[in-house]
Protein backbone atom coordinates (compact mmCIF):
# COMPACT_ATOMS: atom_id res chain seq x y z
CA MET A 1 125.92 98.22 114.96
CA LYS A 2 124.56 95.10 113.25
CA LYS A 3 121.35 95.27 115.30
CA LEU A 4 120.98 98.97 114.44
CA LEU A 5 121.43 98.23 110.72
CA LYS A 6 118.82 95.50 110.87
CA PHE A 7 116.39 97.85 112.67
CA LEU A 8 116.80 100.51 110.01
CA ILE A 9 116.33 98.02 107.15
CA LEU A 10 113.34 96.45 108.89
CA SER A 11 111.72 99.86 109.36
CA ALA A 12 112.28 100.83 105.71
CA ALA A 13 110.96 97.51 104.44
CA PHE A 14 107.88 97.76 106.65
CA MET A 15 107.10 101.22 105.33
CA THR A 16 107.62 100.05 101.75
CA ALA A 17 105.41 97.00 102.21
CA SER A 18 102.68 99.14 103.77
CA ASN A 19 102.82 101.69 100.95
CA PHE A 20 102.57 99.01 98.28
CA MET A 21 99.11 97.99 99.43
CA ALA A 22 97.76 101.39 100.51
CA PRO A 23 94.82 102.98 98.65
CA LEU A 24 95.90 105.88 96.47
CA VAL A 25 92.88 108.19 96.57
CA ASN A 26 93.90 111.73 95.58
CA ALA A 27 97.58 110.82 96.04
CA TYR A 28 98.60 111.71 92.49
CA ASP A 29 99.00 114.81 90.36
CA LYS A 30 97.28 114.40 86.98
CA SER A 31 98.93 117.55 85.71
CA ASP A 32 102.08 115.56 84.90
CA THR A 33 100.82 114.42 81.52
CA PHE A 34 102.55 112.78 78.57
CA THR A 35 101.61 111.71 75.06
CA ILE A 36 101.21 108.27 73.51
CA SER A 37 101.75 107.04 69.97
CA VAL A 38 99.92 103.84 69.04
CA ASP A 39 101.31 102.22 65.89
CA GLY A 40 102.17 105.68 64.55
CA PHE A 41 98.91 107.37 65.51
CA ASP A 42 98.47 109.80 68.40
CA TYR A 43 96.35 108.56 71.31
CA ASP A 44 93.92 111.29 72.30
CA GLY A 45 92.96 109.80 75.66
CA GLU A 46 94.08 110.91 79.10
CA ALA A 47 97.60 109.93 80.20
CA PHE A 48 99.53 111.06 83.28
CA THR A 49 102.25 109.83 85.63
CA TYR A 50 102.25 109.00 89.32
CA LYS A 51 105.53 108.07 91.06
CA SER A 52 107.13 107.71 87.62
CA THR A 53 104.42 105.25 86.56
CA ALA A 54 102.31 106.03 83.50
CA TYR A 55 98.53 105.75 83.96
CA VAL A 56 95.58 105.70 81.57
CA SER A 57 91.84 105.15 81.85
CA LEU A 58 91.09 101.44 81.56
CA ARG A 59 87.88 101.94 79.60
CA GLU A 60 89.30 104.63 77.29
CA PHE A 61 92.43 102.66 76.43
CA SER A 62 90.60 99.34 76.04
CA CYS A 63 88.10 100.78 73.59
CA MET A 64 90.92 102.36 71.59
CA ALA A 65 93.07 99.23 71.55
CA ASP A 66 90.45 96.72 70.50
CA ASN A 67 86.75 96.07 70.03
CA SER A 68 86.38 95.70 73.78
CA VAL A 69 83.37 95.09 75.97
CA VAL A 70 84.00 96.81 79.31
CA SER A 71 81.82 96.21 82.37
CA TRP A 72 81.90 97.16 86.04
CA ASN A 73 80.90 95.16 89.11
CA ASP A 74 79.86 97.69 91.73
CA LYS A 75 79.89 95.14 94.57
CA THR A 76 83.51 94.08 94.05
CA HIS A 77 84.71 97.37 92.52
CA THR A 78 86.16 95.39 89.63
CA ALA A 79 86.28 96.26 85.93
CA TYR A 80 86.18 93.53 83.28
CA VAL A 81 87.42 93.79 79.72
CA SER A 82 86.56 91.21 77.09
CA THR A 83 87.73 90.90 73.48
CA SER A 84 88.01 88.02 71.05
CA SER A 85 91.44 87.16 72.48
CA LEU A 86 91.59 88.75 75.95
CA GLU A 87 89.82 88.41 79.28
CA LEU A 88 91.06 91.05 81.72
CA SER A 89 90.06 92.22 85.18
CA ALA A 90 91.26 95.09 87.36
CA ARG A 91 90.00 95.80 90.87
CA GLU A 92 90.03 99.23 92.47
CA TYR A 93 92.93 99.65 94.96
CA SER A 94 94.43 96.32 93.94
CA ASN A 95 98.08 95.93 92.97
CA HIS A 96 97.66 93.70 89.95
CA ILE A 97 95.85 93.16 86.69
CA GLU A 98 94.70 89.69 85.70
CA ALA A 99 94.97 89.13 81.94
CA ASN A 100 94.18 85.74 80.35
CA GLY A 101 94.89 84.14 83.71
CA ARG A 102 98.26 85.87 84.14
CA ILE A 103 99.01 88.22 87.03
CA LEU A 104 100.69 91.52 86.14
CA TRP A 105 101.99 93.34 89.22
CA CYS A 106 101.30 97.08 89.52
CA GLU A 107 103.65 98.56 92.11
CA ASN A 108 101.78 101.82 92.62
CA GLY A 109 98.32 100.34 92.46
CA ILE A 110 95.05 100.79 90.59
CA PHE A 111 92.67 103.58 91.59
CA THR A 112 89.62 105.60 90.61
CA ASP A 113 88.99 109.32 90.33
CA ASP A 114 85.63 110.85 89.48
CA GLY A 115 84.28 107.43 88.51
CA ILE A 116 87.19 106.58 86.17
CA LEU A 117 89.40 103.56 86.85
CA TYR A 118 93.08 104.25 86.16
CA VAL A 119 95.60 101.47 85.54
CA PRO A 120 99.33 101.44 84.72
CA LEU A 121 99.88 101.83 80.98
CA ARG A 122 102.78 99.38 80.70
CA GLN A 123 100.85 96.44 82.19
CA LEU A 124 97.69 97.26 80.23
CA ALA A 125 99.64 97.58 76.99
CA LYS A 126 101.30 94.23 77.67
CA ALA A 127 97.89 92.63 78.19
CA PHE A 128 96.66 93.90 74.82
CA GLY A 129 99.84 92.79 73.06
CA PHE A 130 101.75 96.05 72.68
CA THR A 131 105.44 96.64 73.28
CA ALA A 132 106.17 99.97 74.98
CA HIS A 133 109.09 102.34 74.58
CA TYR A 134 109.33 105.65 76.43
CA SER A 135 111.20 108.62 74.97
CA ALA A 136 112.27 110.92 77.80
CA ALA A 137 113.30 113.61 75.33
CA GLU A 138 109.79 113.75 73.86
CA HIS A 139 107.95 112.82 77.07
CA LYS A 140 106.15 110.30 74.90
CA THR A 141 105.46 106.57 74.98
CA TYR A 142 105.48 104.61 71.74
CA LEU A 143 103.29 101.51 71.59
CA THR A 144 103.71 98.93 68.86
CA ARG A 145 101.20 96.14 68.39
CA LYS A 146 102.47 92.59 68.24
CA LYS A 147 100.46 89.66 66.87
CA GLY A 148 97.75 89.63 69.49
CA ALA A 149 96.82 89.76 73.16
CA ILE A 150 98.99 88.40 75.93
CA GLU A 151 99.71 84.68 75.86
CA HIS A 152 97.34 82.67 78.06
CA ALA A 153 98.49 81.47 81.47
CA ASP A 154 97.92 77.83 80.53
CA SER A 155 100.66 77.97 77.92
CA TYR A 156 102.88 80.71 79.43
CA TYR A 157 103.53 79.34 82.91
CA ASP A 158 105.46 76.11 83.23
CA LYS A 159 102.98 73.99 85.20
CA ASN A 160 105.65 72.20 87.21
CA ASP A 161 107.38 75.48 88.13
CA LEU A 162 104.10 77.13 89.11
CA TYR A 163 103.04 74.09 91.16
CA TRP A 164 106.22 73.83 93.23
CA LEU A 165 106.90 77.55 93.52
CA SER A 166 103.37 78.06 94.85
CA LYS A 167 103.88 75.27 97.38
CA ILE A 168 107.18 76.55 98.76
CA ILE A 169 105.80 80.10 98.99
CA HIS A 170 102.77 78.83 100.88
CA ALA A 171 104.78 76.55 103.18
CA GLU A 172 107.39 79.20 103.99
CA SER A 173 105.24 82.32 104.18
CA GLU A 174 101.66 81.44 105.09
CA GLY A 175 100.51 84.34 107.23
CA GLU A 176 103.29 86.64 105.97
CA PRO A 177 102.60 89.89 104.05
CA PHE A 178 102.01 89.49 100.33
CA LEU A 179 105.32 91.18 99.51
CA GLY A 180 107.00 88.64 101.76
CA LYS A 181 105.48 85.85 99.68
CA ILE A 182 106.86 87.43 96.50
CA ALA A 183 110.29 87.78 98.15
CA VAL A 184 110.33 84.05 99.02
CA GLY A 185 109.54 83.27 95.38
CA ASN A 186 112.30 85.66 94.33
CA VAL A 187 114.82 83.72 96.43
CA VAL A 188 113.92 80.47 94.68
CA LEU A 189 114.07 81.94 91.17
CA ASN A 190 117.26 83.87 91.94
CA ARG A 191 118.81 80.56 92.93
CA VAL A 192 117.65 78.96 89.68
CA LYS A 193 119.64 81.63 87.82
CA ASP A 194 122.69 81.36 90.09
CA SER A 195 125.34 78.88 88.96
CA TYR A 196 125.97 77.72 92.55
CA PHE A 197 122.45 76.23 92.82
CA PRO A 198 120.44 73.76 90.70
CA ASN A 199 118.80 75.21 87.60
CA THR A 200 115.15 74.20 88.07
CA VAL A 201 112.56 75.27 90.63
CA TYR A 202 111.99 71.70 91.82
CA ASP A 203 115.70 70.97 92.20
CA VAL A 204 116.33 74.21 94.09
CA ILE A 205 113.53 73.43 96.55
CA PHE A 206 114.69 69.84 97.14
CA ASP A 207 118.44 70.62 96.98
CA ARG A 208 120.37 68.68 99.63
CA LYS A 209 123.93 69.44 98.54
CA ASN A 210 124.67 71.22 101.81
CA GLY A 211 121.80 69.76 103.79
CA VAL A 212 118.08 70.48 103.41
CA GLN A 213 117.70 74.06 102.18
CA PHE A 214 114.09 74.72 103.16
CA SER A 215 112.51 73.54 106.40
CA PRO A 216 109.15 72.61 104.77
CA VAL A 217 111.03 69.93 102.81
CA ALA A 218 112.29 68.46 106.08
CA ASN A 219 109.00 68.65 107.99
CA GLY A 220 106.71 67.72 105.09
CA THR A 221 104.67 70.94 104.94
CA ILE A 222 105.91 71.44 101.37
CA HIS A 223 103.15 69.01 100.38
CA LYS A 224 100.31 71.15 101.78
CA GLU A 225 97.96 72.64 99.21
CA ALA A 226 99.02 76.13 98.20
CA GLY A 227 96.64 78.98 98.99
CA GLU A 228 95.32 81.46 96.44
CA ASP A 229 97.74 84.19 97.56
CA ALA A 230 100.70 81.84 97.17
CA VAL A 231 99.64 80.92 93.64
CA MET A 232 99.21 84.60 92.78
CA ALA A 233 102.64 85.46 94.23
CA ALA A 234 104.22 82.60 92.26
CA LYS A 235 102.68 83.89 89.03
CA ILE A 236 103.98 87.39 89.71
CA CYS A 237 107.48 85.97 90.26
CA LEU A 238 107.24 83.94 87.05
CA GLU A 239 106.38 87.19 85.23
CA ASN A 240 109.95 88.21 86.20
CA TYR A 241 108.93 90.73 88.86
CA ARG A 242 111.71 91.09 91.42
CA ILE A 243 111.74 92.92 94.74
CA SER A 244 115.46 92.10 94.62
CA ASP A 245 117.52 90.06 92.19
CA LYS A 246 120.26 89.67 94.83
CA ILE A 247 118.53 87.78 97.65
CA LEU A 248 119.42 84.08 97.84
CA TYR A 249 118.65 83.30 101.49
CA PHE A 250 116.06 84.09 104.13
CA LEU A 251 115.26 83.07 107.68
CA ASN A 252 113.11 83.88 110.67
CA GLU A 253 115.54 84.52 113.52
CA LYS A 254 112.90 83.61 116.11
CA LEU A 255 112.52 80.14 114.62
CA ALA A 256 116.00 79.51 113.19
CA THR A 257 118.38 77.01 114.72
CA ASN A 258 121.27 77.63 112.34
CA PHE A 259 122.66 81.16 111.95
CA TRP A 260 125.22 80.59 109.20
CA ILE A 261 123.28 83.01 106.97
CA VAL A 262 123.34 85.78 109.57
CA GLU A 263 127.06 85.35 110.16
CA ASN A 264 128.16 85.05 106.52
CA CYS A 265 125.72 87.06 104.38
CA ASN A 266 124.48 90.61 103.97
CA LEU A 267 121.05 91.62 105.21
CA ILE A 268 119.15 93.21 102.30
CA MET A 269 115.62 93.62 103.68
CA SER A 270 113.13 92.40 106.24
CA ILE A 271 109.48 91.75 105.45
CA GLY A 272 107.16 90.42 108.11
CA GLY A 273 108.97 87.71 110.05
CA HIS A 274 111.60 87.03 107.41
CA ASP A 275 115.04 88.56 106.91
CA PHE A 276 116.37 88.31 103.34
CA TYR A 277 120.09 88.03 102.61
CA ALA A 278 122.53 88.16 99.72
CA PRO A 279 126.06 86.66 99.69
């Protein structure tokens, strides 16, 4: 029964991971529209939902929100937005927006239709410095402008947390799917918030209360330079994105020598070679 359960969870997780990164050409219905209020004024641009995610045209929204310069790189299929306080990029079929060096995860992707690049409204609004509130009764999203564009990565991310989180993600999940990298980061940050574990990223990684917690600490690979994907995954985790806020453990059964986790915890998901568990 336990093997059957694991197979079913593994299959579901694989399908989910595949769907996260799949191109979304013609996979949405733009007839499901909604309205937007921006600081009390109606937004007259296009707005529709896909898989319960609100989408708008990047160029249209950017020009409304600020005195933006929008450009397109045809070789990389990437749009760039520049204002006095914001540098933003969004690549076709990617799953994130980069805004002032911060990585904002977009679960259902970024895509084009008829030459227009569509991005999730909530992440784009956050980049420009709006708070967003959706009224289901009105089928309307209310945006309220804060002081300015999103805080820059240099001041938002704790450098020590980003450094060590990137390293443990790289050491534990090099070669794993990108969602698997995020899940490893989730485990570390979930532990930081759990009273049973230390309360900093560094102390969680190097925790030895019940023996070494992560094999890269024991074998020294924790000190390898983190790859670009690991740094990106760490930033997404530090933006409070969670695949699961329950997972506290993971292992690769093919490489594991201790199966305490398997025997004492609940399997939540499997991504790539890793199984993720909660108490």
